[in-house]
């Protein structure tokens, strides 16, 4: 099944983890602006970044985005 990425759920996952964007950025050695770009959907996070974020927030990689199934067109 084909999947499209919907909204980035990073802000929600941060809230659930009781962590700020700045704290996560500091832990992963990223600029907060970069993480904000993912939240604002200006960028899509690369898999390596998503894995690092998911491990840090103790969630699944697929928990970082809304996943939208796409029906095949015939």
N, C-alpha and C. Protein backbone atom coordinates (compact mmCIF):
# COMPACT_ATOMS: atom_id res chain seq x y z
N UNK A 1 0.84 -1.17 0.00
CA UNK A 1 0.00 0.00 0.00
C UNK A 1 0.89 1.24 0.00
N UNK A 2 0.50 2.21 -0.81
CA UNK A 2 1.24 3.46 -0.89
C UNK A 2 0.79 4.38 0.24
N UNK A 3 1.75 5.08 0.81
CA UNK A 3 1.49 6.00 1.93
C UNK A 3 2.04 7.38 1.58
N UNK A 4 1.26 8.40 1.87
CA UNK A 4 1.70 9.79 1.76
C UNK A 4 1.92 10.31 3.18
N UNK A 5 2.87 11.23 3.33
CA UNK A 5 3.09 11.84 4.63
C UNK A 5 2.15 13.02 4.81
N UNK A 6 1.46 13.03 5.93
CA UNK A 6 0.62 14.16 6.28
C UNK A 6 1.38 15.10 7.20
N UNK A 7 0.73 15.58 8.19
CA UNK A 7 1.34 16.52 9.14
C UNK A 7 2.45 15.86 9.94
N UNK A 8 3.45 16.65 10.25
CA UNK A 8 4.51 16.19 11.15
C UNK A 8 3.97 16.24 12.58
N UNK A 9 4.17 15.17 13.31
CA UNK A 9 3.65 15.05 14.67
C UNK A 9 4.74 15.26 15.73
N UNK A 10 5.86 15.83 15.33
CA UNK A 10 6.97 16.01 16.25
C UNK A 10 6.59 16.87 17.45
N UNK A 11 5.86 17.95 17.25
CA UNK A 11 5.46 18.82 18.37
C UNK A 11 4.62 18.04 19.38
N UNK A 12 3.72 17.21 18.88
CA UNK A 12 2.89 16.38 19.76
C UNK A 12 3.73 15.37 20.53
N UNK A 13 4.67 14.74 19.84
CA UNK A 13 5.54 13.75 20.50
C UNK A 13 6.43 14.41 21.55
N UNK A 14 6.90 15.62 21.28
CA UNK A 14 7.69 16.36 22.27
C UNK A 14 6.85 16.63 23.51
N UNK A 15 5.62 17.06 23.29
CA UNK A 15 4.72 17.35 24.41
C UNK A 15 4.49 16.08 25.24
N UNK A 16 4.23 14.98 24.57
CA UNK A 16 4.01 13.70 25.26
C UNK A 16 5.24 13.27 26.07
N UNK A 17 6.42 13.59 25.55
CA UNK A 17 7.67 13.22 26.23
C UNK A 17 8.07 14.24 27.29
N UNK A 18 7.35 15.36 27.37
CA UNK A 18 7.69 16.39 28.35
C UNK A 18 9.02 17.05 28.04
N UNK A 19 9.28 17.23 26.75
CA UNK A 19 10.57 17.78 26.31
C UNK A 19 10.32 18.98 25.40
N UNK A 20 11.22 19.94 25.43
CA UNK A 20 11.11 21.08 24.54
C UNK A 20 11.89 20.81 23.26
N UNK A 21 11.58 21.61 22.26
CA UNK A 21 12.29 21.52 20.99
C UNK A 21 13.78 21.81 21.20
N UNK A 22 14.07 22.80 22.01
CA UNK A 22 15.47 23.15 22.27
C UNK A 22 16.22 22.02 22.98
N UNK A 23 15.55 21.34 23.90
CA UNK A 23 16.18 20.22 24.59
C UNK A 23 16.50 19.09 23.61
N UNK A 24 15.54 18.77 22.76
CA UNK A 24 15.77 17.71 21.77
C UNK A 24 16.90 18.09 20.83
N UNK A 25 16.88 19.32 20.35
CA UNK A 25 17.93 19.80 19.45
C UNK A 25 19.30 19.70 20.11
N UNK A 26 19.38 20.08 21.36
CA UNK A 26 20.65 20.01 22.08
C UNK A 26 21.13 18.57 22.24
N UNK A 27 20.22 17.66 22.56
CA UNK A 27 20.57 16.26 22.75
C UNK A 27 21.09 15.62 21.46
N UNK A 28 20.54 16.04 20.32
CA UNK A 28 20.89 15.42 19.04
C UNK A 28 21.89 16.24 18.23
N UNK A 29 22.32 17.38 18.79
CA UNK A 29 23.27 18.28 18.12
C UNK A 29 22.71 18.82 16.81
N UNK A 30 21.40 19.15 16.82
CA UNK A 30 20.74 19.77 15.68
C UNK A 30 20.42 21.21 16.06
N UNK A 31 20.26 22.04 15.05
CA UNK A 31 19.77 23.39 15.29
C UNK A 31 18.26 23.32 15.49
N UNK A 32 17.74 24.06 16.47
CA UNK A 32 16.28 24.07 16.67
C UNK A 32 15.51 24.47 15.41
N UNK A 33 16.09 25.36 14.62
CA UNK A 33 15.44 25.80 13.39
C UNK A 33 15.20 24.64 12.43
N UNK A 34 16.15 23.70 12.40
CA UNK A 34 16.02 22.53 11.54
C UNK A 34 14.81 21.69 11.97
N UNK A 35 14.68 21.48 13.27
CA UNK A 35 13.55 20.71 13.78
C UNK A 35 12.25 21.45 13.54
N UNK A 36 12.28 22.77 13.67
CA UNK A 36 11.09 23.58 13.39
C UNK A 36 10.67 23.45 11.93
N UNK A 37 11.64 23.32 11.04
CA UNK A 37 11.33 23.14 9.62
C UNK A 37 10.54 21.85 9.39
N UNK A 38 10.84 20.81 10.16
CA UNK A 38 10.09 19.56 10.04
C UNK A 38 8.66 19.76 10.54
N UNK A 39 8.53 20.43 11.66
CA UNK A 39 7.20 20.67 12.24
C UNK A 39 6.36 21.52 11.29
N UNK A 40 6.97 22.53 10.69
CA UNK A 40 6.26 23.43 9.77
C UNK A 40 6.12 22.86 8.36
N UNK A 41 6.60 21.64 8.17
CA UNK A 41 6.55 20.92 6.90
C UNK A 41 7.28 21.67 5.78
N UNK A 42 8.35 22.36 6.16
CA UNK A 42 9.21 23.00 5.17
C UNK A 42 10.24 22.00 4.66
N UNK A 43 10.48 20.97 5.46
CA UNK A 43 11.39 19.87 5.13
C UNK A 43 10.76 18.58 5.62
N UNK A 44 11.13 17.49 4.98
CA UNK A 44 10.77 16.16 5.47
C UNK A 44 12.03 15.57 6.08
N UNK A 45 11.90 15.06 7.30
CA UNK A 45 13.09 14.56 7.97
C UNK A 45 13.62 13.30 7.30
N UNK A 46 14.93 13.23 7.10
CA UNK A 46 15.54 12.02 6.55
C UNK A 46 15.37 10.85 7.53
N UNK A 47 15.44 9.65 7.01
CA UNK A 47 15.24 8.46 7.83
C UNK A 47 16.20 8.42 9.01
N UNK A 48 17.46 8.73 8.78
CA UNK A 48 18.45 8.70 9.87
C UNK A 48 18.06 9.67 10.99
N UNK A 49 17.59 10.84 10.63
CA UNK A 49 17.14 11.82 11.62
C UNK A 49 15.90 11.32 12.34
N UNK A 50 14.95 10.77 11.58
CA UNK A 50 13.72 10.25 12.18
C UNK A 50 14.03 9.14 13.18
N UNK A 51 14.97 8.28 12.86
CA UNK A 51 15.35 7.21 13.78
C UNK A 51 15.95 7.79 15.06
N UNK A 52 16.83 8.77 14.92
CA UNK A 52 17.45 9.41 16.09
C UNK A 52 16.41 10.08 16.98
N UNK A 53 15.49 10.79 16.35
CA UNK A 53 14.43 11.47 17.10
C UNK A 53 13.54 10.45 17.79
N UNK A 54 13.12 9.42 17.06
CA UNK A 54 12.24 8.40 17.64
C UNK A 54 12.90 7.69 18.81
N UNK A 55 14.16 7.37 18.69
CA UNK A 55 14.88 6.72 19.78
C UNK A 55 14.95 7.63 21.00
N UNK A 56 15.20 8.89 20.78
CA UNK A 56 15.31 9.85 21.88
C UNK A 56 13.96 10.07 22.57
N UNK A 57 12.89 10.14 21.77
CA UNK A 57 11.56 10.38 22.32
C UNK A 57 10.86 9.09 22.74
N UNK A 58 11.51 7.96 22.49
CA UNK A 58 10.95 6.64 22.80
C UNK A 58 9.59 6.42 22.13
N UNK A 59 9.59 6.65 20.84
CA UNK A 59 8.39 6.39 20.04
C UNK A 59 8.85 5.69 18.76
N UNK A 60 7.91 5.30 17.95
CA UNK A 60 8.24 4.68 16.68
C UNK A 60 8.49 5.74 15.61
N UNK A 61 9.27 5.37 14.62
CA UNK A 61 9.54 6.28 13.51
C UNK A 61 8.23 6.69 12.84
N UNK A 62 7.30 5.76 12.70
CA UNK A 62 6.04 6.07 12.04
C UNK A 62 5.12 6.93 12.91
N UNK A 63 5.51 7.16 14.16
CA UNK A 63 4.74 8.04 15.04
C UNK A 63 5.08 9.52 14.83
N UNK A 64 6.04 9.80 13.97
CA UNK A 64 6.49 11.17 13.77
C UNK A 64 5.73 11.92 12.69
N UNK A 65 4.96 11.19 11.89
CA UNK A 65 4.16 11.81 10.84
C UNK A 65 2.78 11.17 10.79
N UNK A 66 1.82 11.95 10.38
CA UNK A 66 0.51 11.40 10.05
C UNK A 66 0.70 10.62 8.74
N UNK A 67 0.24 9.38 8.71
CA UNK A 67 0.39 8.55 7.53
C UNK A 67 -0.96 8.42 6.83
N UNK A 68 -0.98 8.76 5.55
CA UNK A 68 -2.23 8.77 4.80
C UNK A 68 -2.15 7.71 3.71
N UNK A 69 -2.98 6.66 3.82
CA UNK A 69 -2.99 5.64 2.76
C UNK A 69 -3.55 6.23 1.46
N UNK A 70 -2.93 5.85 0.36
CA UNK A 70 -3.35 6.33 -0.95
C UNK A 70 -3.92 5.14 -1.73
N UNK A 71 -5.15 5.29 -2.17
CA UNK A 71 -5.79 4.22 -2.95
C UNK A 71 -5.23 4.23 -4.36
N UNK A 72 -4.96 3.03 -4.89
CA UNK A 72 -4.47 2.97 -6.27
C UNK A 72 -5.57 3.40 -7.24
N UNK A 73 -5.16 4.09 -8.28
CA UNK A 73 -6.12 4.48 -9.32
C UNK A 73 -5.98 3.50 -10.47
N UNK A 74 -7.11 3.10 -10.98
CA UNK A 74 -7.08 2.10 -12.07
C UNK A 74 -7.55 2.75 -13.34
